[in-house]
Amino acid sequence: MNYLTDRKRAEGLGASRGGTHEHWQAMVTSMLLVILVPLFVITFGLGLGGSYEEVLAYYARPCPAIITGLTLVVGILHMMREVREAVEDYMHGLAEKLMLVAVAAFSYTMIAVGLFALVKLAL
């Protein structure tokens, strides 16, 4: 005799089988962005308007560089997850798979280029 509750029978049988995990990832990146975006705006605003040498010296300090790097990485990862969700909802078949690869490749390329530019600016 099998004594399974309704919850045990339904667990893991959702449409995506991973919706809770993806939801938590989106919530965590959203909460991080709520903190990071105002910090980035303030940090960027303080460095704005200086000469080239002043901006280089400003971003050579650890705080502005770390805030900028974290905002870049978390923002692009959040964007990638949201775009991936839209692609999974509205595209199917081979086009969906190709678009998912393209979205991931574009996102990770943007992170690499942004961090490279930040390192060049900070060093």
PDB file of N, CA and C in Angstrom:
ATOM      1  N   MET A   1       0.837  -1.166   0.000  1.00  0.00           N
ATOM      2  CA  MET A   1       0.000   0.000   0.000  1.00  0.00           C
ATOM      3  C   MET A   1       0.891   1.243   0.000  1.00  0.00           C
ATOM      4  N   ASN A   2       0.533   2.208  -0.805  1.00  0.00           N
ATOM      5  CA  ASN A   2       1.335   3.410  -0.988  1.00  0.00           C
ATOM      6  C   ASN A   2       0.675   4.580  -0.270  1.00  0.00           C
ATOM      7  N   TYR A   3       1.331   5.118   0.747  1.00  0.00           N
ATOM      8  CA  TYR A   3       0.785   6.212   1.528  1.00  0.00           C
ATOM      9  C   TYR A   3       1.468   7.523   1.145  1.00  0.00           C
ATOM     10  N   LEU A   4       1.089   8.088   0.022  1.00  0.00           N
ATOM     11  CA  LEU A   4       1.650   9.361  -0.420  1.00  0.00           C
ATOM     12  C   LEU A   4       0.624  10.464  -0.227  1.00  0.00           C
ATOM     13  N   THR A   5       1.075  11.582   0.274  1.00  0.00           N
ATOM     14  CA  THR A   5       0.184  12.730   0.382  1.00  0.00           C
ATOM     15  C   THR A   5       0.038  13.374  -0.996  1.00  0.00           C
ATOM     16  N   ASP A   6      -0.939  14.241  -1.123  1.00  0.00           N
ATOM     17  CA  ASP A   6      -1.138  14.946  -2.393  1.00  0.00           C
ATOM     18  C   ASP A   6       0.095  15.767  -2.753  1.00  0.00           C
ATOM     19  N   ARG A   7       0.721  16.359  -1.755  1.00  0.00           N
ATOM     20  CA  ARG A   7       1.924  17.164  -2.018  1.00  0.00           C
ATOM     21  C   ARG A   7       3.044  16.296  -2.552  1.00  0.00           C
ATOM     22  N   LYS A   8       3.241  15.120  -1.976  1.00  0.00           N
ATOM     23  CA  LYS A   8       4.302  14.222  -2.435  1.00  0.00           C
ATOM     24  C   LYS A   8       4.041  13.736  -3.858  1.00  0.00           C
ATOM     25  N   ARG A   9       2.790  13.522  -4.223  1.00  0.00           N
ATOM     26  CA  ARG A   9       2.477  13.092  -5.587  1.00  0.00           C
ATOM     27  C   ARG A   9       2.734  14.199  -6.600  1.00  0.00           C
ATOM     28  N   ALA A  10       2.525  15.442  -6.195  1.00  0.00           N
ATOM     29  CA  ALA A  10       2.643  16.566  -7.129  1.00  0.00           C
ATOM     30  C   ALA A  10       4.040  17.166  -7.158  1.00  0.00           C
ATOM     31  N   GLU A  11       4.862  16.877  -6.175  1.00  0.00           N
ATOM     32  CA  GLU A  11       6.176  17.501  -6.080  1.00  0.00           C
ATOM     33  C   GLU A  11       7.057  17.133  -7.275  1.00  0.00           C
ATOM     34  N   GLY A  12       7.633  18.130  -7.898  1.00  0.00           N
ATOM     35  CA  GLY A  12       8.520  17.893  -9.036  1.00  0.00           C
ATOM     36  C   GLY A  12       7.811  17.662 -10.340  1.00  0.00           C
ATOM     37  N   LEU A  13       6.502  17.831 -10.373  1.00  0.00           N
ATOM     38  CA  LEU A  13       5.755  17.579 -11.604  1.00  0.00           C
ATOM     39  C   LEU A  13       5.280  18.852 -12.276  1.00  0.00           C
ATOM     40  N   GLY A  14       5.838  19.983 -11.925  1.00  0.00           N
ATOM     41  CA  GLY A  14       5.463  21.234 -12.567  1.00  0.00           C
ATOM     42  C   GLY A  14       5.939  21.277 -14.005  1.00  0.00           C
ATOM     43  N   ALA A  15       5.556  22.316 -14.714  1.00  0.00           N
ATOM     44  CA  ALA A  15       5.880  22.425 -16.133  1.00  0.00           C
ATOM     45  C   ALA A  15       7.384  22.482 -16.365  1.00  0.00           C
ATOM     46  N   SER A  16       8.098  23.199 -15.530  1.00  0.00           N
ATOM     47  CA  SER A  16       9.535  23.337 -15.763  1.00  0.00           C
ATOM     48  C   SER A  16      10.376  22.490 -14.820  1.00  0.00           C
ATOM     49  N   ARG A  17       9.769  21.930 -13.804  1.00  0.00           N
ATOM     50  CA  ARG A  17      10.427  21.105 -12.800  1.00  0.00           C
ATOM     51  C   ARG A  17      11.499  21.853 -12.011  1.00  0.00           C
ATOM     52  N   GLY A  18      11.667  23.121 -12.241  1.00  0.00           N
ATOM     53  CA  GLY A  18      12.673  23.895 -11.518  1.00  0.00           C
ATOM     54  C   GLY A  18      12.225  25.320 -11.283  1.00  0.00           C
ATOM     55  N   GLY A  19      10.937  25.538 -11.251  1.00  0.00           N
ATOM     56  CA  GLY A  19      10.416  26.895 -11.140  1.00  0.00           C
ATOM     57  C   GLY A  19      10.771  27.579  -9.839  1.00  0.00           C
ATOM     58  N   THR A  20      10.801  26.836  -8.747  1.00  0.00           N
ATOM     59  CA  THR A  20      11.107  27.430  -7.456  1.00  0.00           C
ATOM     60  C   THR A  20      12.550  27.923  -7.417  1.00  0.00           C
ATOM     61  N   HIS A  21      13.454  27.115  -7.940  1.00  0.00           N
ATOM     62  CA  HIS A  21      14.866  27.502  -7.967  1.00  0.00           C
ATOM     63  C   HIS A  21      15.069  28.748  -8.824  1.00  0.00           C
ATOM     64  N   GLU A  22      14.453  28.787  -9.986  1.00  0.00           N
ATOM     65  CA  GLU A  22      14.590  29.953 -10.864  1.00  0.00           C
ATOM     66  C   GLU A  22      13.957  31.191 -10.228  1.00  0.00           C
ATOM     67  N   HIS A  23      12.837  30.989  -9.541  1.00  0.00           N
ATOM     68  CA  HIS A  23      12.181  32.115  -8.868  1.00  0.00           C
ATOM     69  C   HIS A  23      13.088  32.684  -7.781  1.00  0.00           C
ATOM     70  N   TRP A  24      13.718  31.818  -6.992  1.00  0.00           N
ATOM     71  CA  TRP A  24      14.608  32.298  -5.948  1.00  0.00           C
ATOM     72  C   TRP A  24      15.821  33.005  -6.528  1.00  0.00           C
ATOM     73  N   GLN A  25      16.355  32.504  -7.638  1.00  0.00           N
ATOM     74  CA  GLN A  25      17.480  33.187  -8.278  1.00  0.00           C
ATOM     75  C   GLN A  25      17.067  34.585  -8.714  1.00  0.00           C
ATOM     76  N   ALA A  26      15.888  34.699  -9.303  1.00  0.00           N
ATOM     77  CA  ALA A  26      15.405  36.010  -9.734  1.00  0.00           C
ATOM     78  C   ALA A  26      15.180  36.934  -8.545  1.00  0.00           C
ATOM     79  N   MET A  27      14.658  36.403  -7.452  1.00  0.00           N
ATOM     80  CA  MET A  27      14.416  37.224  -6.266  1.00  0.00           C
ATOM     81  C   MET A  27      15.731  37.701  -5.643  1.00  0.00           C
ATOM     82  N   VAL A  28      16.725  36.826  -5.583  1.00  0.00           N
ATOM     83  CA  VAL A  28      18.009  37.207  -5.001  1.00  0.00           C
ATOM     84  C   VAL A  28      18.688  38.276  -5.845  1.00  0.00           C
ATOM     85  N   THR A  29      18.715  38.085  -7.175  1.00  0.00           N
ATOM     86  CA  THR A  29      19.350  39.103  -8.012  1.00  0.00           C
ATOM     87  C   THR A  29      18.566  40.409  -7.973  1.00  0.00           C
ATOM     88  N   SER A  30      17.250  40.329  -7.855  1.00  0.00           N
ATOM     89  CA  SER A  30      16.450  41.554  -7.743  1.00  0.00           C
ATOM     90  C   SER A  30      16.775  42.307  -6.467  1.00  0.00           C
ATOM     91  N   MET A  31      16.878  41.571  -5.357  1.00  0.00           N
ATOM     92  CA  MET A  31      17.206  42.227  -4.090  1.00  0.00           C
ATOM     93  C   MET A  31      18.612  42.828  -4.123  1.00  0.00           C
ATOM     94  N   LEU A  32      19.539  42.126  -4.738  1.00  0.00           N
ATOM     95  CA  LEU A  32      20.891  42.679  -4.865  1.00  0.00           C
ATOM     96  C   LEU A  32      20.888  43.937  -5.721  1.00  0.00           C
ATOM     97  N   LEU A  33      20.104  43.931  -6.791  1.00  0.00           N
ATOM     98  CA  LEU A  33      20.056  45.106  -7.662  1.00  0.00           C
ATOM     99  C   LEU A  33      19.395  46.296  -6.975  1.00  0.00           C
ATOM    100  N   VAL A  34      18.453  46.042  -6.067  1.00  0.00           N
ATOM    101  CA  VAL A  34      17.833  47.139  -5.314  1.00  0.00           C
ATOM    102  C   VAL A  34      18.891  47.882  -4.506  1.00  0.00           C
ATOM    103  N   ILE A  35      19.885  47.166  -4.015  1.00  0.00           N
ATOM    104  CA  ILE A  35      20.965  47.787  -3.250  1.00  0.00           C
ATOM    105  C   ILE A  35      22.048  48.337  -4.179  1.00  0.00           C
ATOM    106  N   LEU A  36      22.414  47.555  -5.208  1.00  0.00           N
ATOM    107  CA  LEU A  36      23.558  47.910  -6.042  1.00  0.00           C
ATOM    108  C   LEU A  36      23.302  49.078  -6.995  1.00  0.00           C
ATOM    109  N   VAL A  37      22.107  49.172  -7.545  1.00  0.00           N
ATOM    110  CA  VAL A  37      21.853  50.230  -8.539  1.00  0.00           C
ATOM    111  C   VAL A  37      21.968  51.620  -7.922  1.00  0.00           C
ATOM    112  N   PRO A  38      21.347  51.900  -6.768  1.00  0.00           N
ATOM    113  CA  PRO A  38      21.576  53.236  -6.190  1.00  0.00           C
ATOM    114  C   PRO A  38      23.044  53.481  -5.830  1.00  0.00           C
ATOM    115  N   LEU A  39      23.723  52.453  -5.304  1.00  0.00           N
ATOM    116  CA  LEU A  39      25.145  52.613  -5.017  1.00  0.00           C
ATOM    117  C   LEU A  39      25.934  52.919  -6.282  1.00  0.00           C
ATOM    118  N   PHE A  40      25.593  52.228  -7.383  1.00  0.00           N
ATOM    119  CA  PHE A  40      26.281  52.471  -8.646  1.00  0.00           C
ATOM    120  C   PHE A  40      26.004  53.872  -9.161  1.00  0.00           C
ATOM    121  N   VAL A  41      24.768  54.318  -9.072  1.00  0.00           N
ATOM    122  CA  VAL A  41      24.424  55.667  -9.549  1.00  0.00           C
ATOM    123  C   VAL A  41      25.196  56.724  -8.755  1.00  0.00           C
ATOM    124  N   ILE A  42      25.260  56.550  -7.444  1.00  0.00           N
ATOM    125  CA  ILE A  42      26.025  57.488  -6.615  1.00  0.00           C
ATOM    126  C   ILE A  42      27.508  57.423  -6.965  1.00  0.00           C
ATOM    127  N   THR A  43      28.037  56.205  -7.082  1.00  0.00           N
ATOM    128  CA  THR A  43      29.453  56.025  -7.401  1.00  0.00           C
ATOM    129  C   THR A  43      29.780  56.608  -8.767  1.00  0.00           C
ATOM    130  N   PHE A  44      28.950  56.334  -9.747  1.00  0.00           N
ATOM    131  CA  PHE A  44      29.178  56.847 -11.095  1.00  0.00           C
ATOM    132  C   PHE A  44      29.066  58.367 -11.118  1.00  0.00           C
ATOM    133  N   GLY A  45      28.089  58.881 -10.368  1.00  0.00           N
ATOM    134  CA  GLY A  45      27.905  60.332 -10.316  1.00  0.00           C
ATOM    135  C   GLY A  45      29.089  61.054  -9.695  1.00  0.00           C
ATOM    136  N   LEU A  46      29.698  60.429  -8.676  1.00  0.00           N
ATOM    137  CA  LEU A  46      30.860  61.053  -8.047  1.00  0.00           C
ATOM    138  C   LEU A  46      32.074  61.071  -8.970  1.00  0.00           C
ATOM    139  N   GLY A  47      32.166  60.110  -9.860  1.00  0.00           N
ATOM    140  CA  GLY A  47      33.291  60.068 -10.795  1.00  0.00           C
ATOM    141  C   GLY A  47      33.043  60.842 -12.072  1.00  0.00           C
ATOM    142  N   LEU A  48      31.817  61.270 -12.279  1.00  0.00           N
ATOM    143  CA  LEU A  48      31.443  61.960 -13.509  1.00  0.00           C
ATOM    144  C   LEU A  48      31.959  63.400 -13.500  1.00  0.00           C
ATOM    145  N   GLY A  49      32.413  63.854 -14.648  1.00  0.00           N
ATOM    146  CA  GLY A  49      32.817  65.240 -14.795  1.00  0.00           C
ATOM    147  C   GLY A  49      34.279  65.518 -14.545  1.00  0.00           C
ATOM    148  N   GLY A  50      35.022  64.515 -14.142  1.00  0.00           N
ATOM    149  CA  GLY A  50      36.445  64.721 -13.910  1.00  0.00           C
ATOM    150  C   GLY A  50      37.237  64.528 -15.194  1.00  0.00           C
ATOM    151  N   SER A  51      38.482  64.905 -15.123  1.00  0.00           N
ATOM    152  CA  SER A  51      39.354  64.676 -16.277  1.00  0.00           C
ATOM    153  C   SER A  51      39.656  63.178 -16.385  1.00  0.00           C
ATOM    154  N   TYR A  52      40.306  62.792 -17.456  1.00  0.00           N
ATOM    155  CA  TYR A  52      40.625  61.385 -17.700  1.00  0.00           C
ATOM    156  C   TYR A  52      41.479  60.826 -16.570  1.00  0.00           C
ATOM    157  N   GLU A  53      42.449  61.562 -16.139  1.00  0.00           N
ATOM    158  CA  GLU A  53      43.338  61.112 -15.067  1.00  0.00           C
ATOM    159  C   GLU A  53      42.591  60.987 -13.736  1.00  0.00           C
ATOM    160  N   GLU A  54      41.683  61.922 -13.474  1.00  0.00           N
ATOM    161  CA  GLU A  54      40.899  61.860 -12.245  1.00  0.00           C
ATOM    162  C   GLU A  54      39.975  60.649 -12.222  1.00  0.00           C
ATOM    163  N   VAL A  55      39.378  60.341 -13.367  1.00  0.00           N
ATOM    164  CA  VAL A  55      38.500  59.167 -13.455  1.00  0.00           C
ATOM    165  C   VAL A  55      39.311  57.891 -13.280  1.00  0.00           C
ATOM    166  N   LEU A  56      40.491  57.831 -13.884  1.00  0.00           N
ATOM    167  CA  LEU A  56      41.358  56.668 -13.696  1.00  0.00           C
ATOM    168  C   LEU A  56      41.734  56.501 -12.227  1.00  0.00           C
ATOM    169  N   ALA A  57      42.073  57.590 -11.569  1.00  0.00           N
ATOM    170  CA  ALA A  57      42.431  57.526 -10.154  1.00  0.00           C
ATOM    171  C   ALA A  57      41.220  57.138  -9.302  1.00  0.00           C
ATOM    172  N   TYR A  58      40.034  57.630  -9.677  1.00  0.00           N
ATOM    173  CA  TYR A  58      38.813  57.317  -8.932  1.00  0.00           C
ATOM    174  C   TYR A  58      38.497  55.822  -9.013  1.00  0.00           C
ATOM    175  N   TYR A  59      38.547  55.257 -10.207  1.00  0.00           N
ATOM    176  CA  TYR A  59      38.230  53.833 -10.364  1.00  0.00           C
ATOM    177  C   TYR A  59      39.383  52.926  -9.977  1.00  0.00           C
ATOM    178  N   ALA A  60      40.544  53.480  -9.671  1.00  0.00           N
ATOM    179  CA  ALA A  60      41.643  52.679  -9.146  1.00  0.00           C
ATOM    180  C   ALA A  60      41.413  52.371  -7.668  1.00  0.00           C
ATOM    181  N   ARG A  61      40.524  53.133  -7.022  1.00  0.00           N
ATOM    182  CA  ARG A  61      40.160  52.839  -5.640  1.00  0.00           C
ATOM    183  C   ARG A  61      39.253  51.609  -5.625  1.00  0.00           C
ATOM    184  N   PRO A  62      39.333  50.781  -4.576  1.00  0.00           N
ATOM    185  CA  PRO A  62      38.592  49.520  -4.583  1.00  0.00           C
ATOM    186  C   PRO A  62      37.073  49.662  -4.519  1.00  0.00           C
ATOM    187  N   CYS A  63      36.554  50.588  -3.755  1.00  0.00           N
ATOM    188  CA  CYS A  63      35.103  50.687  -3.577  1.00  0.00           C
ATOM    189  C   CYS A  63      34.352  50.969  -4.890  1.00  0.00           C
ATOM    190  N   PRO A  64      34.716  51.999  -5.655  1.00  0.00           N
ATOM    191  CA  PRO A  64      34.004  52.226  -6.915  1.00  0.00           C
ATOM    192  C   PRO A  64      34.160  51.068  -7.908  1.00  0.00           C
ATOM    193  N   ALA A  65      35.336  50.467  -7.946  1.00  0.00           N
ATOM    194  CA  ALA A  65      35.557  49.356  -8.883  1.00  0.00           C
ATOM    195  C   ALA A  65      34.726  48.134  -8.501  1.00  0.00           C
ATOM    196  N   ILE A  66      34.657  47.833  -7.207  1.00  0.00           N
ATOM    197  CA  ILE A  66      33.888  46.665  -6.762  1.00  0.00           C
ATOM    198  C   ILE A  66      32.398  46.884  -6.986  1.00  0.00           C
ATOM    199  N   ILE A  67      31.894  48.069  -6.646  1.00  0.00           N
ATOM    200  CA  ILE A  67      30.467  48.356  -6.851  1.00  0.00           C
ATOM    201  C   ILE A  67      30.124  48.287  -8.327  1.00  0.00           C
ATOM    202  N   THR A  68      30.959  48.832  -9.183  1.00  0.00           N
ATOM    203  CA  THR A  68      30.703  48.795 -10.625  1.00  0.00           C
ATOM    204  C   THR A  68      30.736  47.366 -11.148  1.00  0.00           C
ATOM    205  N   GLY A  69      31.725  46.584 -10.730  1.00  0.00           N
ATOM    206  CA  GLY A  69      31.826  45.196 -11.182  1.00  0.00           C
ATOM    207  C   GLY A  69      30.659  44.348 -10.720  1.00  0.00           C
ATOM    208  N   LEU A  70      30.267  44.487  -9.454  1.00  0.00           N
ATOM    209  CA  LEU A  70      29.130  43.717  -8.951  1.00  0.00           C
ATOM    210  C   LEU A  70      27.836  44.095  -9.657  1.00  0.00           C
ATOM    211  N   THR A  71      27.629  45.388  -9.874  1.00  0.00           N
ATOM    212  CA  THR A  71      26.420  45.826 -10.571  1.00  0.00           C
ATOM    213  C   THR A  71      26.391  45.281 -11.988  1.00  0.00           C
ATOM    214  N   LEU A  72      27.520  45.281 -12.658  1.00  0.00           N
ATOM    215  CA  LEU A  72      27.608  44.750 -14.014  1.00  0.00           C
ATOM    216  C   LEU A  72      27.260  43.267 -14.049  1.00  0.00           C
ATOM    217  N   VAL A  73      27.894  42.483 -13.202  1.00  0.00           N
ATOM    218  CA  VAL A  73      27.692  41.030 -13.222  1.00  0.00           C
ATOM    219  C   VAL A  73      26.273  40.667 -12.802  1.00  0.00           C
ATOM    220  N   VAL A  74      25.802  41.211 -11.693  1.00  0.00           N
ATOM    221  CA  VAL A  74      24.466  40.866 -11.206  1.00  0.00           C
ATOM    222  C   VAL A  74      23.391  41.353 -12.183  1.00  0.00           C
ATOM    223  N   GLY A  75      23.564  42.545 -12.731  1.00  0.00           N
ATOM    224  CA  GLY A  75      22.581  43.071 -13.687  1.00  0.00           C
ATOM    225  C   GLY A  75      22.486  42.241 -14.951  1.00  0.00           C
ATOM    226  N   ILE A  76      23.611  41.839 -15.489  1.00  0.00           N
ATOM    227  CA  ILE A  76      23.585  41.049 -16.720  1.00  0.00           C
ATOM    228  C   ILE A  76      23.066  39.641 -16.454  1.00  0.00           C
ATOM    229  N   LEU A  77      23.427  39.042 -15.325  1.00  0.00           N
ATOM    230  CA  LEU A  77      22.885  37.720 -15.001  1.00  0.00           C
ATOM    231  C   LEU A  77      21.373  37.776 -14.801  1.00  0.00           C
ATOM    232  N   HIS A  78      20.886  38.832 -14.165  1.00  0.00           N
ATOM    233  CA  HIS A  78      19.441  39.006 -13.992  1.00  0.00           C
ATOM    234  C   HIS A  78      18.754  39.159 -15.357  1.00  0.00           C
ATOM    235  N   MET A  79      19.348  39.968 -16.207  1.00  0.00           N
ATOM    236  CA  MET A  79      18.792  40.158 -17.548  1.00  0.00           C
ATOM    237  C   MET A  79      18.780  38.844 -18.323  1.00  0.00           C
ATOM    238  N   MET A  80      19.868  38.058 -18.205  1.00  0.00           N
ATOM    239  CA  MET A  80      19.952  36.794 -18.928  1.00  0.00           C
ATOM    240  C   MET A  80      18.849  35.843 -18.477  1.00  0.00           C
ATOM    241  N   ARG A  81      18.600  35.765 -17.183  1.00  0.00           N
ATOM    242  CA  ARG A  81      17.546  34.869 -16.686  1.00  0.00           C
ATOM    243  C   ARG A  81      16.172  35.307 -17.167  1.00  0.00           C
ATOM    244  N   GLU A  82      15.933  36.595 -17.182  1.00  0.00           N
ATOM    245  CA  GLU A  82      14.628  37.092 -17.632  1.00  0.00           C
ATOM    246  C   GLU A  82      14.418  36.860 -19.127  1.00  0.00           C
ATOM    247  N   VAL A  83      15.456  37.096 -19.914  1.00  0.00           N
ATOM    248  CA  VAL A  83      15.347  36.860 -21.356  1.00  0.00           C
ATOM    249  C   VAL A  83      15.186  35.366 -21.628  1.00  0.00           C
ATOM    250  N   ARG A  84      15.919  34.540 -20.890  1.00  0.00           N
ATOM    251  CA  ARG A  84      15.786  33.088 -21.047  1.00  0.00           C
ATOM    252  C   ARG A  84      14.356  32.642 -20.748  1.00  0.00           C
ATOM    253  N   GLU A  85      13.750  33.233 -19.728  1.00  0.00           N
ATOM    254  CA  GLU A  85      12.369  32.906 -19.376  1.00  0.00           C
ATOM    255  C   GLU A  85      11.415  33.273 -20.520  1.00  0.00           C
ATOM    256  N   ALA A  86      11.619  34.433 -21.120  1.00  0.00           N
ATOM    257  CA  ALA A  86      10.774  34.854 -22.244  1.00  0.00           C
ATOM    258  C   ALA A  86      10.961  33.936 -23.449  1.00  0.00           C
ATOM    259  N   VAL A  87      12.195  33.540 -23.725  1.00  0.00           N
ATOM    260  CA  VAL A  87      12.461  32.638 -24.855  1.00  0.00           C
ATOM    261  C   VAL A  87      11.792  31.293 -24.619  1.00  0.00           C
ATOM    262  N   GLU A  88      11.892  30.767 -23.390  1.00  0.00           N
ATOM    263  CA  GLU A  88      11.260  29.479 -23.090  1.00  0.00           C
ATOM    264  C   GLU A  88       9.745  29.552 -23.210  1.00  0.00           C
ATOM    265  N   ASP A  89       9.166  30.719 -22.910  1.00  0.00           N
ATOM    266  CA  ASP A  89       7.716  30.866 -22.988  1.00  0.00           C
ATOM    267  C   ASP A  89       7.209  31.009 -24.410  1.00  0.00           C
ATOM    268  N   TYR A  90       7.945  31.686 -25.275  1.00  0.00           N
ATOM    269  CA  TYR A  90       7.398  32.066 -26.573  1.00  0.00           C
ATOM    270  C   TYR A  90       8.054  31.403 -27.777  1.00  0.00           C
ATOM    271  N   MET A  91       9.126  30.672 -27.591  1.00  0.00           N
ATOM    272  CA  MET A  91       9.770  29.991 -28.713  1.00  0.00           C
ATOM    273  C   MET A  91       9.822  28.501 -28.423  1.00  0.00           C
ATOM    274  N   HIS A  92       9.836  27.695 -29.471  1.00  0.00           N
ATOM    275  CA  HIS A  92       9.867  26.251 -29.292  1.00  0.00           C
ATOM    276  C   HIS A  92      10.738  25.613 -30.360  1.00  0.00           C
ATOM    277  N   GLY A  93      11.189  24.404 -30.067  1.00  0.00           N
ATOM    278  CA  GLY A  93      11.954  23.636 -31.035  1.00  0.00           C
ATOM    279  C   GLY A  93      13.393  24.098 -31.156  1.00  0.00           C
ATOM    280  N   LEU A  94      13.925  23.962 -32.355  1.00  0.00           N
ATOM    281  CA  LEU A  94      15.317  24.299 -32.625  1.00  0.00           C
ATOM    282  C   LEU A  94      15.585  25.788 -32.433  1.00  0.00           C
ATOM    283  N   ALA A  95      14.620  26.624 -32.807  1.00  0.00           N
ATOM    284  CA  ALA A  95      14.799  28.071 -32.648  1.00  0.00           C
ATOM    285  C   ALA A  95      14.978  28.434 -31.174  1.00  0.00           C
ATOM    286  N   GLU A  96      14.240  27.759 -30.302  1.00  0.00           N
ATOM    287  CA  GLU A  96      14.374  28.015 -28.865  1.00  0.00           C
ATOM    288  C   GLU A  96      15.769  27.645 -28.377  1.00  0.00           C
ATOM    289  N   LYS A  97      16.252  26.481 -28.776  1.00  0.00           N
ATOM    290  CA  LYS A  97      17.570  26.033 -28.337  1.00  0.00           C
ATOM    291  C   LYS A  97      18.672  26.964 -28.834  1.00  0.00           C
ATOM    292  N   LEU A  98      18.573  27.368 -30.100  1.00  0.00           N
ATOM    293  CA  LEU A  98      19.578  28.277 -30.655  1.00  0.00           C
ATOM    294  C   LEU A  98      19.533  29.638 -29.969  1.00  0.00           C
ATOM    295  N   MET A  99      18.333  30.108 -29.680  1.00  0.00           N
ATOM    296  CA  MET A  99      18.199  31.406 -29.018  1.00  0.00           C
ATOM    297  C   MET A  99      18.716  31.351 -27.577  1.00  0.00           C
ATOM    298  N   LEU A 100      18.501  30.245 -26.885  1.00  0.00           N
ATOM    299  CA  LEU A 100      19.026  30.101 -25.529  1.00  0.00           C
ATOM    300  C   LEU A 100      20.547  30.119 -25.520  1.00  0.00           C
ATOM    301  N   VAL A 101      21.145  29.461 -26.500  1.00  0.00           N
ATOM    302  CA  VAL A 101      22.611  29.478 -26.613  1.00  0.00           C
ATOM    303  C   VAL A 101      23.086  30.901 -26.933  1.00  0.00           C
ATOM    304  N   ALA A 102      22.386  31.580 -27.824  1.00  0.00           N
ATOM    305  CA  ALA A 102      22.767  32.938 -28.207  1.00  0.00           C
ATOM    306  C   ALA A 102      22.642  33.899 -27.017  1.00  0.00           C
ATOM    307  N   VAL A 103      21.589  33.770 -26.238  1.00  0.00           N
ATOM    308  CA  VAL A 103      21.385  34.636 -25.074  1.00  0.00           C
ATOM    309  C   VAL A 103      22.495  34.416 -24.051  1.00  0.00           C
ATOM    310  N   ALA A 104      22.809  33.149 -23.781  1.00  0.00           N
ATOM    311  CA  ALA A 104      23.875  32.848 -22.819  1.00  0.00           C
ATOM    312  C   ALA A 104      25.230  33.357 -23.330  1.00  0.00           C
ATOM    313  N   ALA A 105      25.517  33.125 -24.601  1.00  0.00           N
ATOM    314  CA  ALA A 105      26.789  33.571 -25.165  1.00  0.00           C
ATOM    315  C   ALA A 105      26.900  35.098 -25.122  1.00  0.00           C
ATOM    316  N   PHE A 106      25.826  35.779 -25.486  1.00  0.00           N
ATOM    317  CA  PHE A 106      25.839  37.240 -25.464  1.00  0.00           C
ATOM    318  C   PHE A 106      26.017  37.763 -24.043  1.00  0.00           C
ATOM    319  N   SER A 107      25.315  37.164 -23.088  1.00  0.00           N
ATOM    320  CA  SER A 107      25.390  37.629 -21.703  1.00  0.00           C
ATOM    321  C   SER A 107      26.784  37.441 -21.126  1.00  0.00           C
ATOM    322  N   TYR A 108      27.351  36.253 -21.302  1.00  0.00           N
ATOM    323  CA  TYR A 108      28.681  36.015 -20.744  1.00  0.00           C
ATOM    324  C   TYR A 108      29.748  36.832 -21.472  1.00  0.00           C
ATOM    325  N   THR A 109      29.543  37.101 -22.757  1.00  0.00           N
ATOM    326  CA  THR A 109      30.469  37.964 -23.483  1.00  0.00           C
ATOM    327  C   THR A 109      30.404  39.388 -22.940  1.00  0.00           C
ATOM    328  N   MET A 110      29.202  39.864 -22.661  1.00  0.00           N
ATOM    329  CA  MET A 110      29.048  41.211 -22.100  1.00  0.00           C
ATOM    330  C   MET A 110      29.693  41.308 -20.717  1.00  0.00           C
ATOM    331  N   ILE A 111      29.557  40.265 -19.910  1.00  0.00           N
ATOM    332  CA  ILE A 111      30.207  40.273 -18.597  1.00  0.00           C
ATOM    333  C   ILE A 111      31.723  40.315 -18.767  1.00  0.00           C
ATOM    334  N   ALA A 112      32.248  39.486 -19.656  1.00  0.00           N
ATOM    335  CA  ALA A 112      33.707  39.450 -19.858  1.00  0.00           C
ATOM    336  C   ALA A 112      34.227  40.784 -20.377  1.00  0.00           C
ATOM    337  N   VAL A 113      33.546  41.364 -21.355  1.00  0.00           N
ATOM    338  CA  VAL A 113      33.978  42.644 -21.922  1.00  0.00           C
ATOM    339  C   VAL A 113      33.884  43.751 -20.872  1.00  0.00           C
ATOM    340  N   GLY A 114      32.793  43.771 -20.104  1.00  0.00           N
ATOM    341  CA  GLY A 114      32.637  44.792 -19.083  1.00  0.00           C
ATOM    342  C   GLY A 114      33.672  44.703 -17.991  1.00  0.00           C
ATOM    343  N   LEU A 115      33.945  43.487 -17.522  1.00  0.00           N
ATOM    344  CA  LEU A 115      34.962  43.322 -16.489  1.00  0.00           C
ATOM    345  C   LEU A 115      36.358  43.628 -17.028  1.00  0.00           C
ATOM    346  N   PHE A 116      36.620  43.265 -18.288  1.00  0.00           N
ATOM    347  CA  PHE A 116      37.911  43.602 -18.899  1.00  0.00           C
ATOM    348  C   PHE A 116      38.086  45.122 -18.966  1.00  0.00           C
ATOM    349  N   ALA A 117      37.055  45.827 -19.382  1.00  0.00           N
ATOM    350  CA  ALA A 117      37.116  47.291 -19.457  1.00  0.00           C
ATOM    351  C   ALA A 117      37.308  47.894 -18.071  1.00  0.00           C
ATOM    352  N   LEU A 118      36.635  47.345 -17.074  1.00  0.00           N
ATOM    353  CA  LEU A 118      36.783  47.849 -15.718  1.00  0.00           C
ATOM    354  C   LEU A 118      38.193  47.610 -15.180  1.00  0.00           C
ATOM    355  N   VAL A 119      38.752  46.442 -15.453  1.00  0.00           N
ATOM    356  CA  VAL A 119      40.114  46.153 -15.013  1.00  0.00           C
ATOM    357  C   VAL A 119      41.103  47.077 -15.715  1.00  0.00           C
ATOM    358  N   LYS A 120      40.909  47.288 -17.016  1.00  0.00           N
ATOM    359  CA  LYS A 120      41.785  48.211 -17.740  1.00  0.00           C
ATOM    360  C   LYS A 120      41.684  49.632 -17.158  1.00  0.00           C
ATOM    361  N   LEU A 121      40.487  50.021 -16.774  1.00  0.00           N
ATOM    362  CA  LEU A 121      40.271  51.345 -16.216  1.00  0.00           C
ATOM    363  C   LEU A 121      40.872  51.449 -14.808  1.00  0.00           C
ATOM    364  N   ALA A 122      40.726  50.382 -14.033  1.00  0.00           N
ATOM    365  CA  ALA A 122      41.158  50.418 -12.636  1.00  0.00           C
ATOM    366  C   ALA A 122      42.663  50.213 -12.468  1.00  0.00           C
ATOM    367  N   LEU A 123      43.294  49.549 -13.400  1.00  0.00           N
ATOM    368  CA  LEU A 123      44.733  49.287 -13.240  1.00  0.00           C
ATOM    369  C   LEU A 123      45.562  50.237 -14.008  1.00  0.00           C
TER     370      LEU A 123
END
